[in-house]
Amino acid sequence: MATYDISYLSIAVYIIIKMSSNVSNAPSSFTSLNENDPLLVFLRSQKQCIKGSVDEFYLWLVKYENIESMMALKEAVSDDDYLNDTMRIGDRSYGVKGFKLSTFKRVVLDYVEEDNGDTSKKKAVHQVCLYCVHI
């Protein structure tokens, strides 16, 4: 039977504990929400298409998937493999509902930003998907 020096064992346990406490699937270190972000506003308007927390889904998109704008979201949903294999699954707690994928994709691609003449303020214009809204 091998014997281990207690100091090396203590260091190894300490390192394992520190490493495991820093690993998380949830975007916990990035918790601030920009309430005026068109991406967040859009996702909240489509909450019926998203399983789990819309805010957590938004944070996951921004932090882990580098989807920080509606333009990036449009690019992401245009890739059917990415939409089906990544966005649908999310982190398993939140993502796009499987039976709403085509509807969500259509609404994202139909999204436009309307310029009201004031370049500092753009109004987000999108249709709320009738299939995603409970009537």
Foldseek 3Di string as FASTA:
>chain_A
DDDDDPVVVVVVVVVVVVVVVPDDLFLVVPQDDDPPAPVLVVQVLLVLQKAADSSRLQSLCVPPVVQRHLVSVLVQLVPVCSQVPDQCCPVVRMHGPPVCSVVVNVQSNQKDWDDPVDVVDIHTDTDRRPVSDDD
